[in-house]
PDB file of N, CA and C in Angstrom:
ATOM      1  N   ARG A   1       0.563  -1.014   0.059  1.00  0.00           N
ATOM      2  CA  ARG A   1      -0.130   0.174   0.116  1.00  0.00           C
ATOM      3  C   ARG A   1       0.828   0.983   0.021  1.00  0.00           C
ATOM      4  N   ILE A   2       0.252   2.052  -0.821  1.00  0.00           N
ATOM      5  CA  ILE A   2       1.626   3.570  -1.196  1.00  0.00           C
ATOM      6  C   ILE A   2       0.301   4.838  -0.274  1.00  0.00           C
ATOM      7  N   ASP A   3       0.782   4.962   0.465  1.00  0.00           N
ATOM      8  CA  ASP A   3      -0.318   6.343   1.321  1.00  0.00           C
ATOM      9  C   ASP A   3       0.181   7.811   0.775  1.00  0.00           C
ATOM     10  N   GLU A   4       1.629   7.957   0.152  1.00  0.00           N
ATOM     11  CA  GLU A   4       1.979   9.297  -0.227  1.00  0.00           C
ATOM     12  C   GLU A   4       2.845   9.176  -1.377  1.00  0.00           C
ATOM     13  N   ILE A   5       3.189  10.049  -2.135  1.00  0.00           N
ATOM     14  CA  ILE A   5       4.165   9.946  -2.912  1.00  0.00           C
ATOM     15  C   ILE A   5       5.226  11.282  -2.550  1.00  0.00           C
ATOM     16  N   LEU A   6       6.898  10.867  -2.824  1.00  0.00           N
ATOM     17  CA  LEU A   6       7.868  11.633  -1.840  1.00  0.00           C
ATOM     18  C   LEU A   6       8.476  12.243  -3.020  1.00  0.00           C
ATOM     19  N   THR A   7       8.500  13.383  -3.210  1.00  0.00           N
ATOM     20  CA  THR A   7       9.295  14.009  -4.745  1.00  0.00           C
ATOM     21  C   THR A   7      10.422  14.653  -3.807  1.00  0.00           C
ATOM     22  N   PHE A   8      11.365  14.109  -4.634  1.00  0.00           N
ATOM     23  CA  PHE A   8      13.104  14.353  -4.413  1.00  0.00           C
ATOM     24  C   PHE A   8      13.336  15.816  -5.563  1.00  0.00           C
ATOM     25  N   ASN A   9      13.957  16.830  -4.959  1.00  0.00           N
ATOM     26  CA  ASN A   9      14.717  17.958  -5.966  1.00  0.00           C
ATOM     27  C   ASN A   9      15.769  17.561  -6.419  1.00  0.00           C
ATOM     28  N   ASP A  10      16.531  17.768  -7.644  1.00  0.00           N
ATOM     29  CA  ASP A  10      17.509  17.253  -8.306  1.00  0.00           C
ATOM     30  C   ASP A  10      18.955  17.704  -7.859  1.00  0.00           C
ATOM     31  N   LEU A  11      19.745  17.001  -7.586  1.00  0.00           N
ATOM     32  CA  LEU A  11      20.823  17.584  -6.875  1.00  0.00           C
ATOM     33  C   LEU A  11      21.441  18.524  -7.480  1.00  0.00           C
ATOM     34  N   SER A  12      22.025  19.608  -6.802  1.00  0.00           N
ATOM     35  CA  SER A  12      22.594  20.696  -7.188  1.00  0.00           C
ATOM     36  C   SER A  12      24.516  20.387  -7.644  1.00  0.00           C
ATOM     37  N   ALA A  13      24.982  21.194  -8.376  1.00  0.00           N
ATOM     38  CA  ALA A  13      26.288  20.986  -8.921  1.00  0.00           C
ATOM     39  C   ALA A  13      27.115  20.609  -7.518  1.00  0.00           C
ATOM     40  N   ALA A  14      27.076  21.270  -6.633  1.00  0.00           N
ATOM     41  CA  ALA A  14      27.572  21.677  -5.290  1.00  0.00           C
ATOM     42  C   ALA A  14      27.819  20.293  -4.593  1.00  0.00           C
ATOM     43  N   VAL A  15      26.415  19.685  -4.397  1.00  0.00           N
ATOM     44  CA  VAL A  15      26.090  18.152  -3.969  1.00  0.00           C
ATOM     45  C   VAL A  15      27.061  17.198  -4.845  1.00  0.00           C
ATOM     46  N   ILE A  16      26.659  17.670  -6.160  1.00  0.00           N
ATOM     47  CA  ILE A  16      27.161  16.482  -7.214  1.00  0.00           C
ATOM     48  C   ILE A  16      29.245  16.493  -7.042  1.00  0.00           C
ATOM     49  N   GLN A  17      29.248  17.726  -6.886  1.00  0.00           N
ATOM     50  CA  GLN A  17      30.650  17.933  -6.403  1.00  0.00           C
ATOM     51  C   GLN A  17      31.304  16.807  -5.232  1.00  0.00           C
ATOM     52  N   LYS A  18      30.405  17.058  -3.931  1.00  0.00           N
ATOM     53  CA  LYS A  18      30.900  16.436  -2.977  1.00  0.00           C
ATOM     54  C   LYS A  18      31.051  14.867  -2.986  1.00  0.00           C
ATOM     55  N   ILE A  19      29.614  14.545  -3.822  1.00  0.00           N
ATOM     56  CA  ILE A  19      29.699  12.960  -3.857  1.00  0.00           C
ATOM     57  C   ILE A  19      30.797  12.609  -4.828  1.00  0.00           C
ATOM     58  N   VAL A  20      31.566  13.410  -5.589  1.00  0.00           N
ATOM     59  CA  VAL A  20      32.236  13.244  -6.632  1.00  0.00           C
ATOM     60  C   VAL A  20      33.797  12.966  -5.510  1.00  0.00           C
ATOM     61  N   ASP A  21      33.886  13.918  -5.099  1.00  0.00           N
ATOM     62  CA  ASP A  21      34.728  14.034  -4.048  1.00  0.00           C
ATOM     63  C   ASP A  21      35.088  12.927  -3.086  1.00  0.00           C
ATOM     64  N   ILE A  22      33.921  11.889  -2.757  1.00  0.00           N
ATOM     65  CA  ILE A  22      33.880  10.925  -2.019  1.00  0.00           C
ATOM     66  C   ILE A  22      34.323   9.777  -2.390  1.00  0.00           C
ATOM     67  N   GLN A  23      34.028   9.160  -3.695  1.00  0.00           N
ATOM     68  CA  GLN A  23      33.886   8.527  -4.487  1.00  0.00           C
ATOM     69  C   GLN A  23      35.376   8.266  -4.983  1.00  0.00           C
ATOM     70  N   LEU A  24      35.678   9.612  -5.304  1.00  0.00           N
ATOM     71  CA  LEU A  24      37.684   9.739  -5.599  1.00  0.00           C
ATOM     72  C   LEU A  24      38.328   9.201  -4.289  1.00  0.00           C
ATOM     73  N   ALA A  25      38.008   9.934  -3.053  1.00  0.00           N
ATOM     74  CA  ALA A  25      38.744   9.610  -1.877  1.00  0.00           C
ATOM     75  C   ALA A  25      38.418   8.272  -1.581  1.00  0.00           C
ATOM     76  N   LEU A  26      37.115   7.513  -2.007  1.00  0.00           N
ATOM     77  CA  LEU A  26      37.199   6.129  -1.625  1.00  0.00           C
ATOM     78  C   LEU A  26      38.311   5.326  -2.499  1.00  0.00           C
ATOM     79  N   ALA A  27      38.627   5.800  -3.702  1.00  0.00           N
ATOM     80  CA  ALA A  27      38.933   5.031  -5.230  1.00  0.00           C
ATOM     81  C   ALA A  27      40.776   5.488  -4.461  1.00  0.00           C
ATOM     82  N   VAL A  28      40.906   6.396  -3.792  1.00  0.00           N
ATOM     83  CA  VAL A  28      42.571   6.644  -3.598  1.00  0.00           C
ATOM     84  C   VAL A  28      42.884   6.049  -2.160  1.00  0.00           C
ATOM     85  N   ARG A  29      42.257   5.605  -1.224  1.00  0.00           N
ATOM     86  CA  ARG A  29      41.967   5.392   0.196  1.00  0.00           C
ATOM     87  C   ARG A  29      42.411   3.735  -0.636  1.00  0.00           C
ATOM     88  N   LEU A  30      41.877   2.947  -1.405  1.00  0.00           N
ATOM     89  CA  LEU A  30      41.950   1.715  -1.805  1.00  0.00           C
ATOM     90  C   LEU A  30      43.266   1.668  -2.068  1.00  0.00           C
ATOM     91  N   LEU A  31      43.265   2.288  -3.151  1.00  0.00           N
ATOM     92  CA  LEU A  31      44.662   2.261  -3.989  1.00  0.00           C
ATOM     93  C   LEU A  31      46.187   2.357  -3.051  1.00  0.00           C
ATOM     94  N   ALA A  32      46.190   3.547  -2.090  1.00  0.00           N
ATOM     95  CA  ALA A  32      47.075   3.675  -0.806  1.00  0.00           C
ATOM     96  C   ALA A  32      47.319   2.435  -0.308  1.00  0.00           C
ATOM     97  N   GLU A  33      46.165   1.684  -0.102  1.00  0.00           N
ATOM     98  CA  GLU A  33      46.192   0.276   0.925  1.00  0.00           C
ATOM     99  C   GLU A  33      47.342  -0.419   0.110  1.00  0.00           C
ATOM    100  N   GLY A  34      46.905  -0.877  -1.635  1.00  0.00           N
ATOM    101  CA  GLY A  34      47.816  -1.037  -1.906  1.00  0.00           C
ATOM    102  C   GLY A  34      49.296  -0.587  -2.247  1.00  0.00           C
ATOM    103  N   GLY A  35      49.672   0.104  -1.496  1.00  0.00           N
ATOM    104  CA  GLY A  35      51.145   0.916  -1.725  1.00  0.00           C
ATOM    105  C   GLY A  35      51.326   1.646  -3.209  1.00  0.00           C
ATOM    106  N   PHE A  36      50.335   2.425  -3.391  1.00  0.00           N
ATOM    107  CA  PHE A  36      50.417   3.270  -4.529  1.00  0.00           C
ATOM    108  C   PHE A  36      49.505   4.666  -4.119  1.00  0.00           C
ATOM    109  N   THR A  37      50.289   5.686  -5.120  1.00  0.00           N
ATOM    110  CA  THR A  37      50.096   7.130  -4.374  1.00  0.00           C
ATOM    111  C   THR A  37      49.308   7.567  -5.745  1.00  0.00           C
ATOM    112  N   VAL A  38      48.041   8.234  -5.550  1.00  0.00           N
ATOM    113  CA  VAL A  38      47.648   8.409  -6.607  1.00  0.00           C
ATOM    114  C   VAL A  38      47.601  10.155  -6.913  1.00  0.00           C
ATOM    115  N   GLU A  39      47.614  10.359  -7.985  1.00  0.00           N
ATOM    116  CA  GLU A  39      47.474  11.795  -8.023  1.00  0.00           C
ATOM    117  C   GLU A  39      46.198  12.052  -9.369  1.00  0.00           C
ATOM    118  N   ILE A  40      45.531  12.906  -8.990  1.00  0.00           N
ATOM    119  CA  ILE A  40      44.128  13.370 -10.037  1.00  0.00           C
ATOM    120  C   ILE A  40      44.296  15.335  -9.914  1.00  0.00           C
ATOM    121  N   ASP A  41      44.274  14.721 -11.382  1.00  0.00           N
ATOM    122  CA  ASP A  41      44.316  16.156 -12.169  1.00  0.00           C
ATOM    123  C   ASP A  41      42.689  17.059 -11.822  1.00  0.00           C
ATOM    124  N   PRO A  42      42.604  18.421 -11.412  1.00  0.00           N
ATOM    125  CA  PRO A  42      41.193  18.600 -11.724  1.00  0.00           C
ATOM    126  C   PRO A  42      40.202  18.672 -12.369  1.00  0.00           C
ATOM    127  N   SER A  43      40.671  18.402 -13.627  1.00  0.00           N
ATOM    128  CA  SER A  43      39.758  18.266 -14.757  1.00  0.00           C
ATOM    129  C   SER A  43      39.159  16.587 -14.541  1.00  0.00           C
ATOM    130  N   VAL A  44      39.890  15.691 -13.576  1.00  0.00           N
ATOM    131  CA  VAL A  44      39.107  14.686 -13.445  1.00  0.00           C
ATOM    132  C   VAL A  44      37.733  14.710 -12.662  1.00  0.00           C
ATOM    133  N   HIS A  45      37.543  15.493 -11.532  1.00  0.00           N
ATOM    134  CA  HIS A  45      36.420  16.131 -10.804  1.00  0.00           C
ATOM    135  C   HIS A  45      35.220  16.501 -12.086  1.00  0.00           C
ATOM    136  N   GLY A  46      35.590  17.127 -12.787  1.00  0.00           N
ATOM    137  CA  GLY A  46      34.486  18.056 -13.785  1.00  0.00           C
ATOM    138  C   GLY A  46      34.005  16.717 -14.543  1.00  0.00           C
ATOM    139  N   TYR A  47      35.031  15.917 -15.140  1.00  0.00           N
ATOM    140  CA  TYR A  47      34.249  14.979 -16.292  1.00  0.00           C
ATOM    141  C   TYR A  47      33.445  13.874 -15.564  1.00  0.00           C
ATOM    142  N   LEU A  48      33.909  13.631 -14.194  1.00  0.00           N
ATOM    143  CA  LEU A  48      33.295  12.469 -13.547  1.00  0.00           C
ATOM    144  C   LEU A  48      31.436  13.084 -13.160  1.00  0.00           C
ATOM    145  N   SER A  49      31.685  14.592 -12.773  1.00  0.00           N
ATOM    146  CA  SER A  49      30.450  15.226 -12.356  1.00  0.00           C
ATOM    147  C   SER A  49      29.557  15.030 -13.404  1.00  0.00           C
ATOM    148  N   LYS A  50      30.201  15.567 -14.493  1.00  0.00           N
ATOM    149  CA  LYS A  50      29.139  15.313 -15.856  1.00  0.00           C
ATOM    150  C   LYS A  50      28.966  14.478 -16.260  1.00  0.00           C
ATOM    151  N   LYS A  51      29.771  13.377 -16.332  1.00  0.00           N
ATOM    152  CA  LYS A  51      29.302  12.157 -17.035  1.00  0.00           C
ATOM    153  C   LYS A  51      28.701  10.714 -16.120  1.00  0.00           C
ATOM    154  N   GLY A  52      29.135  11.381 -14.633  1.00  0.00           N
ATOM    155  CA  GLY A  52      27.853  10.219 -13.992  1.00  0.00           C
ATOM    156  C   GLY A  52      26.840  11.022 -13.174  1.00  0.00           C
ATOM    157  N   TYR A  53      26.389  12.259 -13.299  1.00  0.00           N
ATOM    158  CA  TYR A  53      25.176  12.086 -13.359  1.00  0.00           C
ATOM    159  C   TYR A  53      24.123  12.251 -13.911  1.00  0.00           C
ATOM    160  N   LEU A  54      23.071  11.619 -13.793  1.00  0.00           N
ATOM    161  CA  LEU A  54      21.725  11.696 -14.492  1.00  0.00           C
ATOM    162  C   LEU A  54      20.856  12.078 -13.814  1.00  0.00           C
ATOM    163  N   PRO A  55      19.893  12.902 -14.069  1.00  0.00           N
ATOM    164  CA  PRO A  55      18.503  13.638 -13.334  1.00  0.00           C
ATOM    165  C   PRO A  55      17.575  12.120 -12.961  1.00  0.00           C
ATOM    166  N   GLU A  56      17.341  11.368 -13.789  1.00  0.00           N
ATOM    167  CA  GLU A  56      16.288  10.614 -13.210  1.00  0.00           C
ATOM    168  C   GLU A  56      16.982   9.356 -12.674  1.00  0.00           C
ATOM    169  N   TYR A  57      18.498   9.254 -12.580  1.00  0.00           N
ATOM    170  CA  TYR A  57      18.924   8.477 -11.331  1.00  0.00           C
ATOM    171  C   TYR A  57      19.721   9.003 -10.247  1.00  0.00           C
ATOM    172  N   GLY A  58      19.637  10.162 -10.368  1.00  0.00           N
ATOM    173  CA  GLY A  58      21.002  11.186  -9.224  1.00  0.00           C
ATOM    174  C   GLY A  58      22.304  10.499  -9.750  1.00  0.00           C
ATOM    175  N   ALA A  59      22.909  10.476  -8.669  1.00  0.00           N
ATOM    176  CA  ALA A  59      24.225  10.186  -8.318  1.00  0.00           C
ATOM    177  C   ALA A  59      24.697   8.773  -8.558  1.00  0.00           C
ATOM    178  N   ARG A  60      23.669   8.130  -8.655  1.00  0.00           N
ATOM    179  CA  ARG A  60      24.290   6.016  -8.189  1.00  0.00           C
ATOM    180  C   ARG A  60      24.968   5.808  -9.893  1.00  0.00           C
ATOM    181  N   PRO A  61      24.918   6.340 -10.630  1.00  0.00           N
ATOM    182  CA  PRO A  61      25.761   5.874 -12.024  1.00  0.00           C
ATOM    183  C   PRO A  61      27.388   6.377 -11.968  1.00  0.00           C
ATOM    184  N   LEU A  62      27.183   6.914 -10.839  1.00  0.00           N
ATOM    185  CA  LEU A  62      29.034   7.791 -10.870  1.00  0.00           C
ATOM    186  C   LEU A  62      29.840   6.758  -9.975  1.00  0.00           C
ATOM    187  N   LYS A  63      29.001   6.000  -9.297  1.00  0.00           N
ATOM    188  CA  LYS A  63      29.912   5.039  -8.688  1.00  0.00           C
ATOM    189  C   LYS A  63      30.449   3.874  -9.323  1.00  0.00           C
ATOM    190  N   ARG A  64      29.529   3.884 -10.495  1.00  0.00           N
ATOM    191  CA  ARG A  64      29.756   2.607 -11.489  1.00  0.00           C
ATOM    192  C   ARG A  64      31.231   3.403 -12.604  1.00  0.00           C
ATOM    193  N   LEU A  65      30.784   4.579 -12.457  1.00  0.00           N
ATOM    194  CA  LEU A  65      31.673   5.364 -13.651  1.00  0.00           C
ATOM    195  C   LEU A  65      33.376   4.928 -12.900  1.00  0.00           C
ATOM    196  N   VAL A  66      33.034   5.497 -11.860  1.00  0.00           N
ATOM    197  CA  VAL A  66      34.674   5.237 -10.856  1.00  0.00           C
ATOM    198  C   VAL A  66      35.315   3.601 -11.186  1.00  0.00           C
ATOM    199  N   LYS A  67      34.147   2.775 -10.909  1.00  0.00           N
ATOM    200  CA  LYS A  67      34.995   1.527 -11.182  1.00  0.00           C
ATOM    201  C   LYS A  67      35.228   1.343 -12.952  1.00  0.00           C
ATOM    202  N   GLN A  68      34.303   1.962 -13.341  1.00  0.00           N
ATOM    203  CA  GLN A  68      34.755   1.390 -15.382  1.00  0.00           C
ATOM    204  C   GLN A  68      36.088   2.483 -15.508  1.00  0.00           C
ATOM    205  N   GLU A  69      36.442   3.478 -15.316  1.00  0.00           N
ATOM    206  CA  GLU A  69      36.732   4.391 -16.003  1.00  0.00           C
ATOM    207  C   GLU A  69      38.228   4.764 -14.920  1.00  0.00           C
ATOM    208  N   ILE A  70      37.974   4.541 -13.542  1.00  0.00           N
ATOM    209  CA  ILE A  70      39.635   4.463 -12.519  1.00  0.00           C
ATOM    210  C   ILE A  70      39.662   3.123 -12.649  1.00  0.00           C
ATOM    211  N   LEU A  71      38.976   2.395 -11.502  1.00  0.00           N
ATOM    212  CA  LEU A  71      39.647   1.390 -10.877  1.00  0.00           C
ATOM    213  C   LEU A  71      40.009   0.128 -11.805  1.00  0.00           C
ATOM    214  N   ALA A  72      38.947  -0.182 -12.951  1.00  0.00           N
ATOM    215  CA  ALA A  72      39.264  -1.011 -13.985  1.00  0.00           C
ATOM    216  C   ALA A  72      40.676  -1.087 -14.588  1.00  0.00           C
ATOM    217  N   PRO A  73      40.786   0.307 -15.396  1.00  0.00           N
ATOM    218  CA  PRO A  73      41.967   0.664 -16.036  1.00  0.00           C
ATOM    219  C   PRO A  73      43.107   0.680 -15.223  1.00  0.00           C
ATOM    220  N   ILE A  74      42.857   1.318 -14.000  1.00  0.00           N
ATOM    221  CA  ILE A  74      44.459   1.361 -13.464  1.00  0.00           C
ATOM    222  C   ILE A  74      44.719  -0.239 -12.843  1.00  0.00           C
ATOM    223  N   SER A  75      43.959  -0.780 -12.832  1.00  0.00           N
ATOM    224  CA  SER A  75      44.219  -2.684 -12.483  1.00  0.00           C
ATOM    225  C   SER A  75      44.784  -2.996 -13.672  1.00  0.00           C
ATOM    226  N   LYS A  76      44.458  -2.688 -14.766  1.00  0.00           N
ATOM    227  CA  LYS A  76      45.204  -3.114 -15.890  1.00  0.00           C
ATOM    228  C   LYS A  76      46.355  -2.507 -16.058  1.00  0.00           C
ATOM    229  N   TYR A  77      46.447  -0.827 -15.719  1.00  0.00           N
ATOM    230  CA  TYR A  77      47.857  -0.513 -15.866  1.00  0.00           C
ATOM    231  C   TYR A  77      48.871  -0.946 -15.031  1.00  0.00           C
ATOM    232  N   VAL A  78      48.389  -1.410 -13.968  1.00  0.00           N
ATOM    233  CA  VAL A  78      49.218  -1.721 -12.631  1.00  0.00           C
ATOM    234  C   VAL A  78      49.804  -3.235 -13.382  1.00  0.00           C
ATOM    235  N   LEU A  79      49.111  -3.872 -14.035  1.00  0.00           N
ATOM    236  CA  LEU A  79      49.263  -5.244 -14.339  1.00  0.00           C
ATOM    237  C   LEU A  79      50.743  -5.188 -15.627  1.00  0.00           C
ATOM    238  N   ALA A  80      50.205  -4.339 -16.228  1.00  0.00           N
ATOM    239  CA  ALA A  80      51.239  -3.951 -17.569  1.00  0.00           C
ATOM    240  C   ALA A  80      52.297  -2.905 -17.166  1.00  0.00           C
ATOM    241  N   ASN A  81      52.590  -2.724 -15.916  1.00  0.00           N
ATOM    242  CA  ASN A  81      53.461  -1.830 -15.410  1.00  0.00           C
ATOM    243  C   ASN A  81      53.594  -1.929 -13.785  1.00  0.00           C
ATOM    244  N   PRO A  82      54.343  -3.023 -13.714  1.00  0.00           N
ATOM    245  CA  PRO A  82      54.316  -3.819 -12.263  1.00  0.00           C
ATOM    246  C   PRO A  82      55.311  -2.941 -11.479  1.00  0.00           C
ATOM    247  N   GLU A  83      55.935  -1.716 -12.136  1.00  0.00           N
ATOM    248  CA  GLU A  83      57.095  -0.777 -11.569  1.00  0.00           C
ATOM    249  C   GLU A  83      56.725   0.302 -10.590  1.00  0.00           C
ATOM    250  N   ALA A  84      55.206   0.551 -11.394  1.00  0.00           N
ATOM    251  CA  ALA A  84      54.625   1.712 -11.171  1.00  0.00           C
ATOM    252  C   ALA A  84      54.077   1.736 -10.282  1.00  0.00           C
ATOM    253  N   THR A  85      54.413   2.977  -9.092  1.00  0.00           N
ATOM    254  CA  THR A  85      53.801   3.183  -7.508  1.00  0.00           C
ATOM    255  C   THR A  85      53.222   4.624  -7.556  1.00  0.00           C
ATOM    256  N   VAL A  86      53.360   5.503  -8.130  1.00  0.00           N
ATOM    257  CA  VAL A  86      52.558   6.573  -8.600  1.00  0.00           C
ATOM    258  C   VAL A  86      51.549   6.142  -9.975  1.00  0.00           C
ATOM    259  N   ILE A  87      50.581   6.908  -9.499  1.00  0.00           N
ATOM    260  CA  ILE A  87      49.571   6.596 -10.751  1.00  0.00           C
ATOM    261  C   ILE A  87      48.712   7.887 -10.554  1.00  0.00           C
ATOM    262  N   LYS A  88      49.035   8.440 -12.198  1.00  0.00           N
ATOM    263  CA  LYS A  88      48.244   9.668 -12.752  1.00  0.00           C
ATOM    264  C   LYS A  88      46.988   9.526 -13.565  1.00  0.00           C
ATOM    265  N   ILE A  89      46.312  10.799 -13.084  1.00  0.00           N
ATOM    266  CA  ILE A  89      44.864  10.220 -13.608  1.00  0.00           C
ATOM    267  C   ILE A  89      44.304  11.874 -14.115  1.00  0.00           C
ATOM    268  N   ARG A  90      44.190  12.009 -15.437  1.00  0.00           N
ATOM    269  CA  ARG A  90      43.499  12.790 -15.653  1.00  0.00           C
ATOM    270  C   ARG A  90      42.497  12.711 -17.281  1.00  0.00           C
ATOM    271  N   GLU A  91      42.150  14.299 -17.296  1.00  0.00           N
ATOM    272  CA  GLU A  91      40.788  13.945 -18.462  1.00  0.00           C
ATOM    273  C   GLU A  91      41.527  14.022 -20.110  1.00  0.00           C
ATOM    274  N   GLY A  92      41.555  13.023 -20.926  1.00  0.00           N
ATOM    275  CA  GLY A  92      42.065  13.115 -22.310  1.00  0.00           C
ATOM    276  C   GLY A  92      41.034  13.160 -23.275  1.00  0.00           C
ATOM    277  N   LYS A  93      41.709  13.168 -24.650  1.00  0.00           N
ATOM    278  CA  LYS A  93      40.500  13.167 -25.619  1.00  0.00           C
ATOM    279  C   LYS A  93      39.188  12.226 -25.368  1.00  0.00           C
ATOM    280  N   ALA A  94      39.950  11.242 -24.828  1.00  0.00           N
ATOM    281  CA  ALA A  94      38.944   9.804 -25.144  1.00  0.00           C
ATOM    282  C   ALA A  94      38.463   9.430 -24.034  1.00  0.00           C
ATOM    283  N   GLY A  95      38.537  10.349 -23.028  1.00  0.00           N
ATOM    284  CA  GLY A  95      38.019   9.976 -21.670  1.00  0.00           C
ATOM    285  C   GLY A  95      39.288  10.474 -20.651  1.00  0.00           C
ATOM    286  N   LEU A  96      39.276   9.223 -19.787  1.00  0.00           N
ATOM    287  CA  LEU A  96      40.005   9.165 -18.650  1.00  0.00           C
ATOM    288  C   LEU A  96      41.252   8.588 -19.035  1.00  0.00           C
ATOM    289  N   GLU A  97      42.738   9.284 -18.285  1.00  0.00           N
ATOM    290  CA  GLU A  97      43.604   9.138 -19.158  1.00  0.00           C
ATOM    291  C   GLU A  97      44.856   8.421 -17.949  1.00  0.00           C
ATOM    292  N   ILE A  98      45.207   7.216 -17.492  1.00  0.00           N
ATOM    293  CA  ILE A  98      45.794   6.330 -16.491  1.00  0.00           C
ATOM    294  C   ILE A  98      47.635   6.925 -16.916  1.00  0.00           C
ATOM    295  N   SER A  99      48.580   6.885 -16.063  1.00  0.00           N
ATOM    296  CA  SER A  99      49.551   7.043 -16.651  1.00  0.00           C
ATOM    297  C   SER A  99      50.778   6.531 -14.838  1.00  0.00           C
ATOM    298  N   SER A 100      51.654   6.913 -15.532  1.00  0.00           N
ATOM    299  CA  SER A 100      52.550   7.465 -13.880  1.00  0.00           C
ATOM    300  C   SER A 100      53.656   8.296 -14.083  1.00  0.00           C
TER     301      SER A 100
END
């Protein structure tokens, strides 16, 4: 039985930015536990804010985006470059770029 309908307001840009910061901090902490230092270019925040927010779903896609465009590529990068201890993330022409 549904008694009432709740309407949620769209998330503001400031709130989305805070969510992006939280998700990136979690990713950095996870990588730090593995012995990696992560340097994130400010352009990454804007990229994730734009691509990870959909008004109909809110910020839910953001967590998936961080996994798909940061954590998975970093895993592949580390396997290909086992000597890398510093990982740099920045926005490139075709999305996010991972380097050391």
